[in-house]
């Protein structure tokens, strides 16, 4: 009997340690992270979610995720939790979160019970606002460079390490009287004989 009591006590201590470890890991995640039920209701929120939302964890637990992050009374279009409920596996989406004032990569990962029923969802929101801003700047610069290259009267082309054309400008295509697509992925030897 003493041995059974000792083993029971040891199992309880191990379970307590596992729960404490899980809580420490959950709280250490640097991105707003929620544990949701299948109806979008918040079961738990980490420190980053509390800080980002400006709402206490206790108040977060009385709300649905879309009420917090999108200030709506229903899930937003493309909601990863809605998609995950259909697919049964991890779903991600880049989406504006009005309440957090930026664009976030949101992932929803399902957690199933022993019978295979959806029990919980791990919802992680990673701020990608700065990356999106830089992508817009880069795209604008690409478009400007393309305009400069295409309007230049000088013949301009790029090749890769294998000597295949990857970019030619309008002056180049007009000089050789060939459309741009005829050059792409080809070498000079695909267009002309080695003798020439």
N, C-alpha and C. Protein backbone atom coordinates (compact mmCIF):
# COMPACT_ATOMS: atom_id res chain seq x y z
N UNK A 1 0.83 -1.20 0.00
CA UNK A 1 0.00 0.00 0.00
C UNK A 1 0.88 1.26 0.00
N UNK A 2 1.92 1.22 0.82
CA UNK A 2 2.84 2.36 0.90
C UNK A 2 3.47 2.62 -0.48
N UNK A 3 3.82 1.54 -1.18
CA UNK A 3 4.44 1.67 -2.51
C UNK A 3 3.46 2.30 -3.50
N UNK A 4 2.20 1.89 -3.46
CA UNK A 4 1.18 2.45 -4.36
C UNK A 4 0.97 3.93 -4.10
N UNK A 5 0.97 4.30 -2.82
CA UNK A 5 0.82 5.72 -2.45
C UNK A 5 2.01 6.52 -2.97
N UNK A 6 3.22 5.95 -2.81
CA UNK A 6 4.44 6.62 -3.27
C UNK A 6 4.43 6.78 -4.78
N UNK A 7 4.01 5.73 -5.51
CA UNK A 7 3.96 5.80 -6.97
C UNK A 7 2.90 6.81 -7.43
N UNK A 8 1.77 6.85 -6.74
CA UNK A 8 0.71 7.81 -7.06
C UNK A 8 1.19 9.24 -6.85
N UNK A 9 1.92 9.45 -5.76
CA UNK A 9 2.45 10.78 -5.45
C UNK A 9 3.47 11.19 -6.51
N UNK A 10 4.32 10.26 -6.92
CA UNK A 10 5.33 10.53 -7.94
C UNK A 10 4.68 10.88 -9.28
N UNK A 11 3.61 10.18 -9.64
CA UNK A 11 2.90 10.45 -10.90
C UNK A 11 2.27 11.84 -10.87
N UNK A 12 1.71 12.22 -9.71
CA UNK A 12 1.10 13.55 -9.57
C UNK A 12 2.16 14.63 -9.70
N UNK A 13 3.32 14.39 -9.08
CA UNK A 13 4.41 15.37 -9.15
C UNK A 13 4.91 15.52 -10.58
N UNK A 14 4.99 14.41 -11.31
CA UNK A 14 5.43 14.43 -12.70
C UNK A 14 4.42 15.17 -13.57
N UNK A 15 3.14 14.94 -13.33
CA UNK A 15 2.09 15.64 -14.06
C UNK A 15 2.14 17.13 -13.77
N UNK A 16 2.35 17.50 -12.52
CA UNK A 16 2.46 18.91 -12.14
C UNK A 16 3.64 19.57 -12.84
N UNK A 17 4.80 18.87 -12.87
CA UNK A 17 5.98 19.40 -13.55
C UNK A 17 5.72 19.59 -15.04
N UNK A 18 5.05 18.61 -15.68
CA UNK A 18 4.74 18.69 -17.11
C UNK A 18 3.83 19.89 -17.39
N UNK A 19 2.85 20.09 -16.53
CA UNK A 19 1.94 21.23 -16.70
C UNK A 19 2.68 22.55 -16.51
N UNK A 20 3.57 22.59 -15.55
CA UNK A 20 4.36 23.81 -15.30
C UNK A 20 5.28 24.09 -16.49
N UNK A 21 5.91 23.03 -17.02
CA UNK A 21 6.78 23.20 -18.20
C UNK A 21 5.99 23.72 -19.39
N UNK A 22 4.80 23.15 -19.61
CA UNK A 22 3.97 23.59 -20.73
C UNK A 22 3.60 25.06 -20.56
N UNK A 23 3.21 25.47 -19.38
CA UNK A 23 2.82 26.86 -19.11
C UNK A 23 4.00 27.80 -19.35
N UNK A 24 5.19 27.40 -18.91
CA UNK A 24 6.39 28.23 -19.12
C UNK A 24 6.69 28.41 -20.60
N UNK A 25 6.58 27.33 -21.37
CA UNK A 25 6.82 27.40 -22.81
C UNK A 25 5.76 28.29 -23.47
N UNK A 26 4.51 28.09 -23.12
CA UNK A 26 3.39 28.86 -23.68
C UNK A 26 3.60 30.36 -23.42
N UNK A 27 3.97 30.71 -22.22
CA UNK A 27 4.17 32.11 -21.86
C UNK A 27 5.42 32.70 -22.51
N UNK A 28 6.41 31.86 -22.82
CA UNK A 28 7.66 32.34 -23.40
C UNK A 28 7.56 32.62 -24.90
N UNK A 29 6.52 32.15 -25.56
CA UNK A 29 6.36 32.41 -26.99
C UNK A 29 6.24 33.91 -27.18
N UNK A 30 7.08 34.48 -28.03
CA UNK A 30 7.15 35.93 -28.20
C UNK A 30 6.07 36.53 -29.06
N UNK A 31 5.22 35.71 -29.64
CA UNK A 31 4.13 36.19 -30.50
C UNK A 31 2.80 35.99 -29.77
N UNK A 32 1.81 36.85 -30.06
CA UNK A 32 0.49 36.64 -29.44
C UNK A 32 -0.03 35.23 -29.75
N UNK A 33 -0.24 34.46 -28.70
CA UNK A 33 -0.65 33.07 -28.85
C UNK A 33 -1.87 32.79 -27.97
N UNK A 34 -2.87 32.17 -28.58
CA UNK A 34 -4.10 31.83 -27.87
C UNK A 34 -4.35 30.34 -27.99
N UNK A 35 -5.03 29.79 -27.00
CA UNK A 35 -5.61 28.46 -27.11
C UNK A 35 -7.11 28.70 -27.23
N UNK A 36 -7.71 28.19 -28.30
CA UNK A 36 -9.12 28.42 -28.59
C UNK A 36 -9.89 27.12 -28.55
N UNK A 37 -11.20 27.22 -28.33
CA UNK A 37 -12.05 26.05 -28.53
C UNK A 37 -12.55 26.08 -29.98
N UNK A 38 -13.21 25.03 -30.47
CA UNK A 38 -13.64 25.00 -31.87
C UNK A 38 -14.63 26.11 -32.25
N UNK A 39 -15.18 26.81 -31.27
CA UNK A 39 -16.13 27.91 -31.54
C UNK A 39 -15.44 29.27 -31.48
N UNK A 40 -14.12 29.28 -31.54
CA UNK A 40 -13.31 30.52 -31.54
C UNK A 40 -13.15 31.15 -30.16
N UNK A 41 -13.69 30.56 -29.13
CA UNK A 41 -13.61 31.16 -27.79
C UNK A 41 -12.22 30.95 -27.19
N UNK A 42 -11.70 32.00 -26.57
CA UNK A 42 -10.37 31.96 -25.95
C UNK A 42 -10.42 31.14 -24.67
N UNK A 43 -9.54 30.15 -24.61
CA UNK A 43 -9.40 29.33 -23.40
C UNK A 43 -8.21 29.84 -22.59
N UNK A 44 -7.13 30.20 -23.29
CA UNK A 44 -5.93 30.72 -22.62
C UNK A 44 -5.22 31.69 -23.57
N UNK A 45 -4.51 32.64 -22.98
CA UNK A 45 -3.75 33.63 -23.75
C UNK A 45 -2.39 33.81 -23.10
N UNK A 46 -1.34 33.91 -23.92
CA UNK A 46 -0.02 34.13 -23.33
C UNK A 46 0.22 35.62 -23.10
N UNK A 47 1.37 35.93 -22.47
CA UNK A 47 1.69 37.32 -22.13
C UNK A 47 1.72 38.22 -23.36
N UNK A 48 2.26 37.69 -24.47
CA UNK A 48 2.35 38.50 -25.69
C UNK A 48 0.97 38.87 -26.21
N UNK A 49 0.01 37.96 -26.10
CA UNK A 49 -1.37 38.25 -26.54
C UNK A 49 -2.01 39.29 -25.63
N UNK A 50 -1.77 39.18 -24.34
CA UNK A 50 -2.31 40.14 -23.38
C UNK A 50 -1.75 41.52 -23.67
N UNK A 51 -0.43 41.59 -23.88
CA UNK A 51 0.23 42.87 -24.14
C UNK A 51 -0.26 43.47 -25.46
N UNK A 52 -0.32 42.68 -26.52
CA UNK A 52 -0.71 43.18 -27.84
C UNK A 52 -2.15 43.66 -27.86
N UNK A 53 -3.03 42.95 -27.17
CA UNK A 53 -4.45 43.29 -27.20
C UNK A 53 -4.82 44.40 -26.22
N UNK A 54 -4.01 44.56 -25.17
CA UNK A 54 -4.32 45.54 -24.14
C UNK A 54 -5.49 45.12 -23.27
N UNK A 55 -5.80 43.82 -23.30
CA UNK A 55 -6.93 43.27 -22.53
C UNK A 55 -6.37 42.25 -21.54
N UNK A 56 -6.88 42.21 -20.35
CA UNK A 56 -6.39 41.24 -19.37
C UNK A 56 -6.71 39.82 -19.84
N UNK A 57 -5.92 38.86 -19.36
CA UNK A 57 -6.17 37.47 -19.74
C UNK A 57 -7.57 37.04 -19.34
N UNK A 58 -8.00 37.48 -18.18
CA UNK A 58 -9.34 37.12 -17.72
C UNK A 58 -10.41 37.63 -18.68
N UNK A 59 -10.27 38.88 -19.15
CA UNK A 59 -11.23 39.44 -20.11
C UNK A 59 -11.13 38.78 -21.48
N UNK A 60 -9.90 38.39 -21.86
CA UNK A 60 -9.73 37.69 -23.15
C UNK A 60 -10.50 36.38 -23.15
N UNK A 61 -10.51 35.70 -21.99
CA UNK A 61 -11.18 34.40 -21.91
C UNK A 61 -12.69 34.47 -22.09
N UNK A 62 -13.26 35.64 -22.03
CA UNK A 62 -14.71 35.75 -22.21
C UNK A 62 -15.07 36.11 -23.67
N UNK A 63 -14.04 36.18 -24.54
CA UNK A 63 -14.28 36.64 -25.90
C UNK A 63 -13.90 35.59 -26.95
N UNK A 64 -14.30 35.87 -28.18
CA UNK A 64 -13.90 35.06 -29.32
C UNK A 64 -12.75 35.79 -30.01
N UNK A 65 -11.88 35.03 -30.66
CA UNK A 65 -10.67 35.62 -31.24
C UNK A 65 -10.97 36.74 -32.22
N UNK A 66 -12.01 36.59 -33.04
CA UNK A 66 -12.31 37.63 -34.03
C UNK A 66 -12.84 38.91 -33.37
N UNK A 67 -13.47 38.77 -32.20
CA UNK A 67 -13.92 39.97 -31.47
C UNK A 67 -12.72 40.77 -30.99
N UNK A 68 -11.66 40.07 -30.61
CA UNK A 68 -10.46 40.72 -30.09
C UNK A 68 -9.65 41.36 -31.21
N UNK A 69 -9.31 40.57 -32.21
CA UNK A 69 -8.35 41.01 -33.22
C UNK A 69 -8.97 41.74 -34.42
N UNK A 70 -10.22 41.46 -34.72
CA UNK A 70 -10.84 42.08 -35.90
C UNK A 70 -12.00 43.00 -35.56
N UNK A 71 -12.37 43.00 -34.28
CA UNK A 71 -13.47 43.84 -33.80
C UNK A 71 -14.74 43.61 -34.63
N UNK A 72 -15.03 42.35 -34.87
CA UNK A 72 -16.23 41.97 -35.62
C UNK A 72 -17.03 40.96 -34.82
N UNK A 73 -18.24 40.70 -35.28
CA UNK A 73 -19.07 39.69 -34.60
C UNK A 73 -19.09 38.37 -35.35
N UNK A 74 -18.18 38.23 -36.31
CA UNK A 74 -18.04 36.96 -37.03
C UNK A 74 -16.61 36.82 -37.55
N UNK A 75 -16.19 35.60 -37.89
CA UNK A 75 -14.82 35.40 -38.38
C UNK A 75 -14.59 36.18 -39.69
N UNK A 76 -13.37 36.70 -39.89
CA UNK A 76 -13.07 37.43 -41.13
C UNK A 76 -12.99 36.47 -42.32
N UNK A 77 -13.07 37.02 -43.50
CA UNK A 77 -12.94 36.20 -44.71
C UNK A 77 -11.56 35.55 -44.72
N UNK A 78 -11.50 34.26 -45.01
CA UNK A 78 -10.24 33.53 -45.05
C UNK A 78 -9.74 33.08 -43.69
N UNK A 79 -10.57 33.18 -42.66
CA UNK A 79 -10.17 32.82 -41.29
C UNK A 79 -9.49 31.46 -41.27
N UNK A 80 -8.25 31.37 -40.74
CA UNK A 80 -7.55 30.09 -40.74
C UNK A 80 -8.22 29.03 -39.85
N UNK A 81 -8.92 29.47 -38.79
CA UNK A 81 -9.60 28.48 -37.95
C UNK A 81 -10.77 27.85 -38.71
N UNK A 82 -11.49 28.67 -39.46
CA UNK A 82 -12.59 28.14 -40.28
C UNK A 82 -12.05 27.15 -41.31
N UNK A 83 -10.95 27.51 -41.96
CA UNK A 83 -10.35 26.62 -42.96
C UNK A 83 -9.84 25.34 -42.32
N UNK A 84 -9.21 25.49 -41.13
CA UNK A 84 -8.67 24.34 -40.42
C UNK A 84 -9.77 23.38 -39.99
N UNK A 85 -10.93 23.93 -39.63
CA UNK A 85 -12.06 23.08 -39.22
C UNK A 85 -12.50 22.16 -40.35
N UNK A 86 -12.31 22.61 -41.59
CA UNK A 86 -12.67 21.80 -42.76
C UNK A 86 -11.53 20.86 -43.14
N UNK A 87 -10.30 21.40 -43.17
CA UNK A 87 -9.16 20.60 -43.64
C UNK A 87 -8.66 19.61 -42.59
N UNK A 88 -8.78 19.97 -41.31
CA UNK A 88 -8.29 19.09 -40.25
C UNK A 88 -6.80 19.19 -39.99
N UNK A 89 -6.14 20.17 -40.63
CA UNK A 89 -4.70 20.33 -40.39
C UNK A 89 -4.34 21.81 -40.32
N UNK A 90 -3.08 22.10 -40.02
CA UNK A 90 -2.57 23.46 -39.88
C UNK A 90 -2.98 24.33 -41.06
N UNK A 91 -3.47 25.53 -40.77
CA UNK A 91 -3.80 26.51 -41.81
C UNK A 91 -3.18 27.85 -41.40
N UNK A 92 -2.66 28.58 -42.40
CA UNK A 92 -2.08 29.90 -42.15
C UNK A 92 -2.61 30.89 -43.16
N UNK A 93 -2.58 32.16 -42.77
CA UNK A 93 -3.01 33.24 -43.65
C UNK A 93 -2.34 34.53 -43.19
N UNK A 94 -2.03 35.41 -44.16
CA UNK A 94 -1.60 36.76 -43.82
C UNK A 94 -2.85 37.62 -43.83
N UNK A 95 -3.08 38.33 -42.74
CA UNK A 95 -4.33 39.08 -42.61
C UNK A 95 -4.11 40.34 -41.77
N UNK A 96 -4.85 41.38 -42.12
CA UNK A 96 -4.81 42.62 -41.33
C UNK A 96 -5.55 42.37 -40.01
N UNK A 97 -4.95 42.82 -38.93
CA UNK A 97 -5.60 42.74 -37.62
C UNK A 97 -5.79 44.17 -37.14
N UNK A 98 -7.01 44.63 -37.28
CA UNK A 98 -7.33 46.02 -36.98
C UNK A 98 -6.97 46.41 -35.55
N UNK A 99 -7.25 45.55 -34.62
CA UNK A 99 -7.01 45.85 -33.21
C UNK A 99 -5.52 45.97 -32.89
N UNK A 100 -4.68 45.29 -33.68
CA UNK A 100 -3.24 45.32 -33.43
C UNK A 100 -2.53 46.29 -34.37
N UNK A 101 -3.26 46.85 -35.32
CA UNK A 101 -2.71 47.87 -36.21
C UNK A 101 -1.62 47.37 -37.13
N UNK A 102 -1.81 46.20 -37.72
CA UNK A 102 -0.80 45.71 -38.65
C UNK A 102 -1.23 44.45 -39.35
N UNK A 103 -0.30 43.91 -40.13
CA UNK A 103 -0.53 42.67 -40.87
C UNK A 103 0.17 41.53 -40.11
N UNK A 104 -0.54 40.42 -39.97
CA UNK A 104 -0.01 39.29 -39.20
C UNK A 104 -0.14 37.99 -39.98
N UNK A 105 0.85 37.13 -39.81
CA UNK A 105 0.77 35.77 -40.31
C UNK A 105 0.13 34.97 -39.18
N UNK A 106 -1.09 34.49 -39.43
CA UNK A 106 -1.83 33.78 -38.39
C UNK A 106 -1.87 32.29 -38.73
N UNK A 107 -1.50 31.47 -37.75
CA UNK A 107 -1.57 30.03 -37.94
C UNK A 107 -2.53 29.44 -36.92
N UNK A 108 -3.28 28.44 -37.35
CA UNK A 108 -4.17 27.70 -36.47
C UNK A 108 -3.83 26.22 -36.59
N UNK A 109 -3.43 25.63 -35.47
CA UNK A 109 -3.03 24.23 -35.43
C UNK A 109 -4.02 23.46 -34.58
N UNK A 110 -4.60 22.38 -35.13
CA UNK A 110 -5.59 21.63 -34.36
C UNK A 110 -4.95 20.72 -33.32
N UNK A 111 -5.66 20.51 -32.22
CA UNK A 111 -5.28 19.53 -31.20
C UNK A 111 -6.50 18.65 -30.98
N UNK A 112 -6.33 17.36 -31.18
CA UNK A 112 -7.44 16.42 -31.10
C UNK A 112 -7.41 15.63 -29.80
N UNK A 113 -8.60 15.19 -29.35
CA UNK A 113 -8.64 14.32 -28.17
C UNK A 113 -8.36 12.89 -28.60
N UNK A 114 -8.37 11.96 -27.62
CA UNK A 114 -8.02 10.56 -27.91
C UNK A 114 -8.98 9.89 -28.88
N UNK A 115 -10.18 10.45 -29.07
CA UNK A 115 -11.15 9.88 -30.02
C UNK A 115 -11.06 10.53 -31.40
N UNK A 116 -10.14 11.49 -31.54
CA UNK A 116 -9.96 12.15 -32.84
C UNK A 116 -10.85 13.36 -33.05
N UNK A 117 -11.55 13.80 -32.01
CA UNK A 117 -12.42 14.98 -32.13
C UNK A 117 -11.59 16.24 -31.86
N UNK A 118 -11.88 17.31 -32.61
CA UNK A 118 -11.18 18.57 -32.42
C UNK A 118 -11.50 19.11 -31.02
N UNK A 119 -10.45 19.33 -30.25
CA UNK A 119 -10.63 19.77 -28.87
C UNK A 119 -10.17 21.21 -28.66
N UNK A 120 -9.00 21.53 -29.19
CA UNK A 120 -8.40 22.84 -28.99
C UNK A 120 -7.71 23.29 -30.28
N UNK A 121 -7.47 24.59 -30.37
CA UNK A 121 -6.74 25.15 -31.50
C UNK A 121 -5.66 26.06 -30.94
N UNK A 122 -4.44 25.89 -31.45
CA UNK A 122 -3.33 26.78 -31.07
C UNK A 122 -3.27 27.86 -32.15
N UNK A 123 -3.51 29.10 -31.74
CA UNK A 123 -3.63 30.25 -32.65
C UNK A 123 -2.44 31.17 -32.37
N UNK A 124 -1.53 31.30 -33.36
CA UNK A 124 -0.33 32.13 -33.19
C UNK A 124 -0.36 33.23 -34.25
N UNK A 125 -0.15 34.48 -33.81
CA UNK A 125 -0.14 35.63 -34.72
C UNK A 125 1.26 36.25 -34.73
N UNK A 126 1.93 36.20 -35.90
CA UNK A 126 3.27 36.75 -36.04
C UNK A 126 3.20 38.04 -36.84
N UNK A 127 3.71 39.12 -36.27
CA UNK A 127 3.65 40.43 -36.91
C UNK A 127 4.56 40.45 -38.15
N UNK A 128 3.97 40.67 -39.32
CA UNK A 128 4.74 40.75 -40.57
C UNK A 128 4.56 42.12 -41.23
N UNK A 129 4.12 43.10 -40.45
CA UNK A 129 3.85 44.44 -40.97
C UNK A 129 5.08 45.05 -41.63
N UNK A 130 6.21 44.99 -40.96
CA UNK A 130 7.45 45.58 -41.49
C UNK A 130 7.88 44.85 -42.76
N UNK A 131 7.79 43.53 -42.76
CA UNK A 131 8.16 42.77 -43.95
C UNK A 131 7.29 43.17 -45.14
N UNK A 132 5.96 43.31 -44.90
CA UNK A 132 5.04 43.71 -45.96
C UNK A 132 5.38 45.11 -46.48
N UNK A 133 5.74 46.02 -45.57
CA UNK A 133 6.11 47.38 -45.97
C UNK A 133 7.35 47.35 -46.87
N UNK A 134 8.34 46.55 -46.47
CA UNK A 134 9.56 46.44 -47.26
C UNK A 134 9.30 45.78 -48.61
N UNK A 135 8.39 44.80 -48.65
CA UNK A 135 8.03 44.16 -49.92
C UNK A 135 7.41 45.17 -50.88
N UNK A 136 6.57 46.07 -50.36
CA UNK A 136 5.95 47.09 -51.22
C UNK A 136 7.01 48.04 -51.78
N UNK A 137 7.96 48.43 -50.93
CA UNK A 137 9.04 49.31 -51.38
C UNK A 137 9.86 48.61 -52.45
N UNK A 138 10.20 47.35 -52.21
CA UNK A 138 10.99 46.58 -53.16
C UNK A 138 10.26 46.42 -54.49
N UNK A 139 8.98 46.15 -54.45
CA UNK A 139 8.19 46.00 -55.68
C UNK A 139 8.15 47.31 -56.45
N UNK A 140 8.00 48.42 -55.74
CA UNK A 140 8.00 49.73 -56.39
C UNK A 140 9.34 49.98 -57.08
N UNK A 141 10.43 49.66 -56.38
CA UNK A 141 11.77 49.83 -56.96
C UNK A 141 11.97 48.92 -58.16
N UNK A 142 11.45 47.70 -58.11
CA UNK A 142 11.53 46.79 -59.26
C UNK A 142 10.82 47.38 -60.47
N UNK A 143 9.63 47.92 -60.24
CA UNK A 143 8.85 48.51 -61.33
C UNK A 143 9.58 49.72 -61.92
N UNK A 144 10.18 50.54 -61.04
CA UNK A 144 10.93 51.70 -61.53
C UNK A 144 12.14 51.26 -62.35
N UNK A 145 12.86 50.25 -61.86
CA UNK A 145 14.02 49.73 -62.59
C UNK A 145 13.61 49.16 -63.94
N UNK A 146 12.50 48.43 -63.96
CA UNK A 146 11.99 47.86 -65.22
C UNK A 146 11.67 48.98 -66.21
N UNK A 147 11.05 50.04 -65.73
CA UNK A 147 10.72 51.18 -66.59
C UNK A 147 11.98 51.81 -67.15
N UNK A 148 13.00 52.02 -66.30
CA UNK A 148 14.26 52.61 -66.75
C UNK A 148 14.93 51.72 -67.79
N UNK A 149 14.99 50.42 -67.52
CA UNK A 149 15.64 49.49 -68.45
C UNK A 149 14.89 49.43 -69.78
N UNK A 150 13.57 49.35 -69.71
CA UNK A 150 12.77 49.21 -70.94
C UNK A 150 12.76 50.47 -71.79
N UNK A 151 12.90 51.63 -71.18
CA UNK A 151 12.88 52.87 -71.95
C UNK A 151 14.29 53.33 -72.36
N UNK A 152 15.31 52.63 -71.91
CA UNK A 152 16.68 52.99 -72.27
C UNK A 152 16.93 52.69 -73.75
N UNK A 153 17.58 53.60 -74.47
CA UNK A 153 17.91 53.33 -75.88
C UNK A 153 19.10 52.38 -76.03
N UNK A 154 19.78 52.11 -74.93
CA UNK A 154 20.95 51.22 -74.94
C UNK A 154 20.48 49.77 -74.78
N UNK A 155 21.11 48.86 -75.50
CA UNK A 155 20.78 47.44 -75.39
C UNK A 155 21.23 46.94 -74.02
N UNK A 156 20.29 46.34 -73.27
CA UNK A 156 20.58 45.80 -71.93
C UNK A 156 20.01 44.39 -71.85
N UNK A 157 20.83 43.47 -71.33
CA UNK A 157 20.33 42.12 -71.07
C UNK A 157 21.07 41.54 -69.88
N UNK A 158 20.40 40.57 -69.21
CA UNK A 158 21.02 39.84 -68.10
C UNK A 158 21.05 38.37 -68.50
N UNK A 159 22.10 37.70 -68.04
CA UNK A 159 22.19 36.25 -68.22
C UNK A 159 22.48 35.61 -66.86
N UNK A 160 22.10 34.34 -66.72
CA UNK A 160 22.46 33.61 -65.50
C UNK A 160 23.83 32.97 -65.66
N UNK A 161 24.26 32.18 -64.69
CA UNK A 161 25.59 31.56 -64.72
C UNK A 161 25.78 30.59 -65.88
N UNK A 162 24.64 30.04 -66.37
CA UNK A 162 24.71 29.11 -67.50
C UNK A 162 24.69 29.83 -68.84
N UNK A 163 24.67 31.16 -68.80
CA UNK A 163 24.67 31.94 -70.04
C UNK A 163 23.30 32.06 -70.67
N UNK A 164 22.24 31.75 -69.93
CA UNK A 164 20.88 31.86 -70.46
C UNK A 164 20.32 33.25 -70.16
N UNK A 165 19.61 33.79 -71.15
CA UNK A 165 19.00 35.10 -70.96
C UNK A 165 17.89 35.02 -69.90
N UNK A 166 17.93 35.97 -68.96
CA UNK A 166 16.86 36.05 -67.96
C UNK A 166 16.14 37.39 -68.02
N UNK A 167 16.70 38.35 -68.77
CA UNK A 167 16.06 39.66 -68.92
C UNK A 167 16.67 40.36 -70.14
N UNK A 168 15.83 40.87 -71.00
CA UNK A 168 16.29 41.69 -72.13
C UNK A 168 15.38 42.91 -72.20
N UNK A 169 15.94 44.03 -72.66
CA UNK A 169 15.11 45.23 -72.73
C UNK A 169 14.54 45.42 -74.14
N UNK A 170 13.70 46.44 -74.27
CA UNK A 170 13.01 46.71 -75.53
C UNK A 170 13.99 47.02 -76.65
N UNK A 171 15.04 47.79 -76.35
CA UNK A 171 16.04 48.12 -77.37
C UNK A 171 16.69 46.85 -77.92
N UNK A 172 16.92 45.87 -77.06
CA UNK A 172 17.52 44.60 -77.47
C UNK A 172 16.58 43.84 -78.40
N UNK A 173 15.31 43.73 -78.02
CA UNK A 173 14.35 42.99 -78.86
C UNK A 173 14.11 43.68 -80.19
N UNK A 174 14.12 45.02 -80.19
CA UNK A 174 13.91 45.75 -81.44
C UNK A 174 15.13 45.61 -82.36
N UNK A 175 16.34 45.65 -81.78
CA UNK A 175 17.56 45.52 -82.59
C UNK A 175 17.65 44.16 -83.26
N UNK A 176 17.20 43.10 -82.54
CA UNK A 176 17.29 41.75 -83.09
C UNK A 176 15.98 41.29 -83.73
N UNK A 177 14.97 42.15 -83.66
CA UNK A 177 13.66 41.88 -84.27
C UNK A 177 13.07 40.54 -83.82
N UNK A 178 13.12 40.35 -82.50
CA UNK A 178 12.55 39.14 -81.90
C UNK A 178 11.81 39.52 -80.62
N UNK A 179 10.68 38.86 -80.33
CA UNK A 179 9.98 39.17 -79.08
C UNK A 179 10.77 38.69 -77.85
N UNK A 180 10.54 39.34 -76.73
CA UNK A 180 11.28 39.05 -75.49
C UNK A 180 11.19 37.57 -75.11
N UNK A 181 10.01 36.98 -75.25
CA UNK A 181 9.84 35.58 -74.82
C UNK A 181 10.71 34.59 -75.60
N UNK A 182 11.15 34.98 -76.83
CA UNK A 182 12.01 34.09 -77.62
C UNK A 182 13.43 34.00 -77.04
N UNK A 183 13.80 34.94 -76.20
CA UNK A 183 15.13 34.93 -75.60
C UNK A 183 15.18 34.20 -74.26
N UNK A 184 14.08 34.22 -73.53
CA UNK A 184 14.08 33.74 -72.15
C UNK A 184 14.50 32.27 -72.03
N UNK A 185 15.48 32.02 -71.17
CA UNK A 185 15.94 30.66 -70.91
C UNK A 185 16.83 30.08 -72.01
N UNK A 186 17.21 30.91 -72.98
CA UNK A 186 18.05 30.42 -74.09
C UNK A 186 19.43 31.05 -74.01
N UNK A 187 20.40 30.36 -74.60
CA UNK A 187 21.74 30.92 -74.71
C UNK A 187 21.91 31.48 -76.12
N UNK A 188 23.01 32.17 -76.32
CA UNK A 188 23.31 32.69 -77.67
C UNK A 188 23.38 31.53 -78.66
N UNK A 189 23.88 30.37 -78.22
CA UNK A 189 24.03 29.21 -79.11
C UNK A 189 22.69 28.57 -79.47
N UNK A 190 21.65 28.84 -78.68
CA UNK A 190 20.30 28.39 -79.05
C UNK A 190 19.73 29.26 -80.17
N UNK A 191 20.23 30.49 -80.25
CA UNK A 191 19.72 31.44 -81.24
C UNK A 191 20.56 31.51 -82.52
N UNK A 192 21.86 31.31 -82.34
CA UNK A 192 22.78 31.42 -83.48
C UNK A 192 23.73 30.23 -83.46
N UNK A 193 24.30 29.92 -84.60
CA UNK A 193 25.25 28.81 -84.65
C UNK A 193 26.55 29.22 -83.97
N UNK A 194 27.30 28.25 -83.51
CA UNK A 194 28.58 28.51 -82.85
C UNK A 194 29.54 29.24 -83.79
N UNK A 195 29.42 28.96 -85.07
CA UNK A 195 30.30 29.59 -86.07
C UNK A 195 30.06 31.10 -86.09
N UNK A 196 28.78 31.52 -86.07
CA UNK A 196 28.46 32.95 -86.05
C UNK A 196 28.95 33.57 -84.76
